């Protein structure tokens, strides 16, 4: 097996192990935190799938890089603080 394939599979395994280690913690979180954490973990799973696809030769290195950039951008967006929704009140 080519070295790049072994490295890609090792990266996929590392991402999957990170997700597996956090799954039990997610179930104990409050609803909003659970959703955010689940979204983070889903991005990591998607990235692991991209590494596996690259290792199998289904996608190019350029496509892997593109998917990595997309995942990083999504994770950054998920991490950024979102302003709380303004309470709507009736004006007298």
N, C-alpha and C. Protein backbone atom coordinates (compact mmCIF):
# COMPACT_ATOMS: atom_id res chain seq x y z
N UNK A 1 0.85 -1.18 0.00
CA UNK A 1 0.00 0.00 0.00
C UNK A 1 0.89 1.23 0.00
N UNK A 2 0.49 2.23 -0.75
CA UNK A 2 1.25 3.47 -0.83
C UNK A 2 1.21 4.20 0.50
N UNK A 3 2.28 4.95 0.74
CA UNK A 3 2.39 5.68 2.01
C UNK A 3 1.25 6.68 2.19
N UNK A 4 0.88 7.38 1.13
CA UNK A 4 -0.19 8.38 1.26
C UNK A 4 -1.50 7.73 1.66
N UNK A 5 -1.73 6.49 1.21
CA UNK A 5 -2.96 5.79 1.59
C UNK A 5 -2.93 5.42 3.07
N UNK A 6 -1.79 4.93 3.52
CA UNK A 6 -1.67 4.59 4.94
C UNK A 6 -1.88 5.81 5.82
N UNK A 7 -1.29 6.93 5.41
CA UNK A 7 -1.43 8.16 6.19
C UNK A 7 -2.87 8.66 6.19
N UNK A 8 -3.53 8.55 5.04
CA UNK A 8 -4.93 8.99 4.97
C UNK A 8 -5.81 8.11 5.84
N UNK A 9 -5.57 6.80 5.82
CA UNK A 9 -6.35 5.89 6.67
C UNK A 9 -6.07 6.15 8.15
N UNK A 10 -4.82 6.45 8.48
CA UNK A 10 -4.48 6.76 9.87
C UNK A 10 -5.19 8.05 10.32
N UNK A 11 -5.26 9.03 9.44
CA UNK A 11 -5.97 10.27 9.76
C UNK A 11 -7.46 10.01 9.96
N UNK A 12 -8.03 9.18 9.09
CA UNK A 12 -9.45 8.84 9.22
C UNK A 12 -9.71 8.12 10.54
N UNK A 13 -8.84 7.20 10.89
CA UNK A 13 -9.00 6.47 12.17
C UNK A 13 -8.90 7.42 13.35
N UNK A 14 -7.96 8.35 13.31
CA UNK A 14 -7.79 9.31 14.41
C UNK A 14 -9.04 10.17 14.57
N UNK A 15 -9.59 10.63 13.46
CA UNK A 15 -10.82 11.42 13.53
C UNK A 15 -11.98 10.60 14.08
N UNK A 16 -12.09 9.36 13.62
CA UNK A 16 -13.17 8.50 14.11
C UNK A 16 -13.01 8.17 15.59
N UNK A 17 -11.78 7.99 16.04
CA UNK A 17 -11.55 7.74 17.47
C UNK A 17 -11.93 8.96 18.30
N UNK A 18 -11.62 10.15 17.78
CA UNK A 18 -12.00 11.37 18.49
C UNK A 18 -13.52 11.47 18.62
N UNK A 19 -14.21 11.14 17.55
CA UNK A 19 -15.68 11.17 17.57
C UNK A 19 -16.21 10.13 18.55
N UNK A 20 -15.71 8.91 18.45
CA UNK A 20 -16.17 7.83 19.33
C UNK A 20 -15.96 8.17 20.80
N UNK A 21 -14.84 8.82 21.12
CA UNK A 21 -14.56 9.13 22.52
C UNK A 21 -15.49 10.21 23.06
N UNK A 22 -16.09 11.01 22.19
CA UNK A 22 -16.96 12.10 22.63
C UNK A 22 -18.44 11.76 22.61
N UNK A 23 -18.81 10.68 21.96
CA UNK A 23 -20.24 10.36 21.80
C UNK A 23 -20.96 10.21 23.13
N UNK A 24 -20.37 9.53 24.08
CA UNK A 24 -21.03 9.32 25.38
C UNK A 24 -21.25 10.64 26.11
N UNK A 25 -20.33 11.56 25.95
CA UNK A 25 -20.46 12.87 26.61
C UNK A 25 -21.60 13.69 26.02
N UNK A 26 -21.81 13.55 24.73
CA UNK A 26 -22.83 14.36 24.05
C UNK A 26 -24.22 14.08 24.59
N UNK A 27 -24.50 12.84 24.91
CA UNK A 27 -25.85 12.48 25.38
C UNK A 27 -26.18 13.12 26.72
N UNK A 28 -25.18 13.51 27.48
CA UNK A 28 -25.42 14.11 28.80
C UNK A 28 -25.53 15.63 28.76
N UNK A 29 -25.36 16.22 27.61
CA UNK A 29 -25.41 17.68 27.49
C UNK A 29 -26.84 18.19 27.37
N UNK A 30 -27.06 19.45 27.73
CA UNK A 30 -28.38 20.06 27.49
C UNK A 30 -28.66 20.10 25.98
N UNK A 31 -29.91 20.27 25.62
CA UNK A 31 -30.33 20.17 24.22
C UNK A 31 -29.53 21.04 23.26
N UNK A 32 -29.39 22.34 23.57
CA UNK A 32 -28.70 23.22 22.62
C UNK A 32 -27.22 22.86 22.50
N UNK A 33 -26.59 22.53 23.60
CA UNK A 33 -25.19 22.12 23.56
C UNK A 33 -25.03 20.78 22.85
N UNK A 34 -26.01 19.91 23.03
CA UNK A 34 -25.97 18.60 22.37
C UNK A 34 -26.01 18.77 20.86
N UNK A 35 -26.88 19.67 20.39
CA UNK A 35 -26.98 19.90 18.94
C UNK A 35 -25.67 20.45 18.39
N UNK A 36 -25.09 21.42 19.08
CA UNK A 36 -23.82 21.99 18.61
C UNK A 36 -22.73 20.94 18.59
N UNK A 37 -22.64 20.15 19.65
CA UNK A 37 -21.62 19.11 19.71
C UNK A 37 -21.83 18.05 18.64
N UNK A 38 -23.09 17.69 18.42
CA UNK A 38 -23.39 16.71 17.37
C UNK A 38 -23.00 17.25 16.00
N UNK A 39 -23.21 18.54 15.78
CA UNK A 39 -22.81 19.14 14.50
C UNK A 39 -21.29 19.11 14.33
N UNK A 40 -20.56 19.40 15.41
CA UNK A 40 -19.09 19.31 15.35
C UNK A 40 -18.65 17.89 15.01
N UNK A 41 -19.22 16.94 15.71
CA UNK A 41 -18.83 15.54 15.48
C UNK A 41 -19.20 15.09 14.07
N UNK A 42 -20.32 15.56 13.56
CA UNK A 42 -20.73 15.20 12.20
C UNK A 42 -19.72 15.73 11.18
N UNK A 43 -19.20 16.92 11.40
CA UNK A 43 -18.18 17.46 10.50
C UNK A 43 -16.92 16.61 10.53
N UNK A 44 -16.54 16.15 11.71
CA UNK A 44 -15.35 15.30 11.82
C UNK A 44 -15.57 13.97 11.10
N UNK A 45 -16.77 13.42 11.21
CA UNK A 45 -17.08 12.17 10.51
C UNK A 45 -17.02 12.39 9.00
N UNK A 46 -17.55 13.51 8.53
CA UNK A 46 -17.51 13.82 7.11
C UNK A 46 -16.07 13.93 6.62
N UNK A 47 -15.23 14.56 7.42
CA UNK A 47 -13.82 14.68 7.05
C UNK A 47 -13.14 13.32 7.04
N UNK A 48 -13.45 12.47 8.00
CA UNK A 48 -12.89 11.12 8.02
C UNK A 48 -13.31 10.35 6.77
N UNK A 49 -14.55 10.52 6.34
CA UNK A 49 -15.01 9.87 5.11
C UNK A 49 -14.23 10.36 3.90
N UNK A 50 -13.90 11.64 3.88
CA UNK A 50 -13.12 12.19 2.78
C UNK A 50 -11.72 11.57 2.76
N UNK A 51 -11.11 11.41 3.93
CA UNK A 51 -9.80 10.77 3.99
C UNK A 51 -9.87 9.33 3.49
N UNK A 52 -10.91 8.62 3.85
CA UNK A 52 -11.07 7.23 3.37
C UNK A 52 -11.27 7.20 1.85
N UNK A 53 -12.05 8.14 1.33
CA UNK A 53 -12.26 8.20 -0.12
C UNK A 53 -10.95 8.50 -0.84
N UNK A 54 -10.13 9.36 -0.28
CA UNK A 54 -8.82 9.66 -0.86
C UNK A 54 -7.93 8.42 -0.82
N UNK A 55 -7.94 7.71 0.30
CA UNK A 55 -7.11 6.51 0.42
C UNK A 55 -7.50 5.45 -0.60
N UNK A 56 -8.77 5.40 -0.94
CA UNK A 56 -9.25 4.42 -1.93
C UNK A 56 -9.06 4.89 -3.37
N UNK A 57 -8.62 6.13 -3.53
CA UNK A 57 -8.42 6.66 -4.87
C UNK A 57 -9.68 7.20 -5.51
N UNK A 58 -10.73 7.39 -4.74
CA UNK A 58 -12.00 7.88 -5.27
C UNK A 58 -11.99 9.38 -5.49
N UNK A 59 -11.18 10.10 -4.71
CA UNK A 59 -11.07 11.55 -4.88
C UNK A 59 -9.59 11.92 -4.95
N UNK A 60 -9.30 13.06 -5.54
CA UNK A 60 -7.92 13.52 -5.67
C UNK A 60 -7.47 14.22 -4.38
N UNK A 61 -6.16 14.48 -4.32
CA UNK A 61 -5.63 15.22 -3.19
C UNK A 61 -6.22 16.63 -3.15
N UNK A 62 -6.39 17.22 -4.32
CA UNK A 62 -6.99 18.55 -4.39
C UNK A 62 -8.40 18.55 -3.82
N UNK A 63 -9.18 17.51 -4.14
CA UNK A 63 -10.54 17.41 -3.60
C UNK A 63 -10.51 17.20 -2.09
N UNK A 64 -9.55 16.40 -1.61
CA UNK A 64 -9.41 16.21 -0.17
C UNK A 64 -9.10 17.54 0.51
N UNK A 65 -8.19 18.31 -0.07
CA UNK A 65 -7.88 19.63 0.48
C UNK A 65 -9.12 20.52 0.50
N UNK A 66 -9.88 20.50 -0.58
CA UNK A 66 -11.09 21.30 -0.66
C UNK A 66 -12.08 20.90 0.43
N UNK A 67 -12.29 19.62 0.60
CA UNK A 67 -13.21 19.14 1.64
C UNK A 67 -12.70 19.49 3.03
N UNK A 68 -11.39 19.46 3.20
CA UNK A 68 -10.81 19.85 4.48
C UNK A 68 -11.04 21.33 4.78
N UNK A 69 -10.89 22.17 3.75
CA UNK A 69 -11.15 23.61 3.93
C UNK A 69 -12.62 23.86 4.27
N UNK A 70 -13.51 23.14 3.60
CA UNK A 70 -14.94 23.30 3.86
C UNK A 70 -15.26 22.88 5.30
N UNK A 71 -14.71 21.74 5.72
CA UNK A 71 -14.96 21.27 7.09
C UNK A 71 -14.41 22.25 8.12
N UNK A 72 -13.22 22.79 7.86
CA UNK A 72 -12.63 23.77 8.77
C UNK A 72 -13.49 25.02 8.86
N UNK A 73 -13.99 25.48 7.72
CA UNK A 73 -14.85 26.67 7.72
C UNK A 73 -16.14 26.40 8.49
N UNK A 74 -16.72 25.23 8.30
CA UNK A 74 -17.95 24.90 9.02
C UNK A 74 -17.70 24.79 10.52
N UNK A 75 -16.59 24.18 10.89
CA UNK A 75 -16.26 24.08 12.32
C UNK A 75 -16.03 25.46 12.92
N UNK A 76 -15.36 26.33 12.19
CA UNK A 76 -15.14 27.70 12.67
C UNK A 76 -16.45 28.43 12.85
N UNK A 77 -17.35 28.23 11.90
CA UNK A 77 -18.67 28.87 12.00
C UNK A 77 -19.44 28.33 13.21
N UNK A 78 -19.36 27.04 13.44
CA UNK A 78 -20.06 26.45 14.59
C UNK A 78 -19.48 26.95 15.91
N UNK A 79 -18.18 27.22 15.92
CA UNK A 79 -17.52 27.68 17.14
C UNK A 79 -17.79 29.15 17.42
N UNK A 80 -18.07 29.92 16.39
CA UNK A 80 -18.23 31.36 16.59
C UNK A 80 -19.50 31.64 17.38
N UNK A 81 -19.42 32.61 18.28
CA UNK A 81 -20.60 32.93 19.09
C UNK A 81 -21.69 33.53 18.21
N UNK A 82 -22.88 33.06 18.41
CA UNK A 82 -24.03 33.59 17.68
C UNK A 82 -24.83 34.45 18.64
N UNK A 83 -25.17 35.66 18.22
CA UNK A 83 -25.94 36.53 19.13
C UNK A 83 -27.28 35.89 19.48
N UNK A 84 -27.67 36.09 20.70
CA UNK A 84 -28.96 35.55 21.15
C UNK A 84 -30.08 36.24 20.38
N UNK A 85 -31.11 35.50 20.14
CA UNK A 85 -32.26 36.07 19.43
C UNK A 85 -32.88 37.17 20.28
N UNK A 86 -33.18 38.27 19.65
CA UNK A 86 -33.79 39.39 20.37
C UNK A 86 -35.22 39.02 20.74
N UNK A 87 -35.59 39.41 21.92
CA UNK A 87 -36.97 39.17 22.34
C UNK A 87 -37.88 40.20 21.68
N UNK A 88 -38.92 39.71 21.12
CA UNK A 88 -39.88 40.61 20.48
C UNK A 88 -40.93 41.01 21.51
N UNK A 89 -41.16 42.29 21.60
CA UNK A 89 -42.18 42.79 22.53
C UNK A 89 -43.11 43.71 21.78
N UNK A 90 -44.30 43.83 22.29
CA UNK A 90 -45.26 44.76 21.69
C UNK A 90 -44.96 46.15 22.20
N UNK A 91 -45.06 47.07 21.31
CA UNK A 91 -44.89 48.47 21.72
C UNK A 91 -46.25 49.01 22.10
N UNK A 92 -46.28 49.73 23.19
CA UNK A 92 -47.56 50.31 23.64
C UNK A 92 -47.90 51.55 22.86
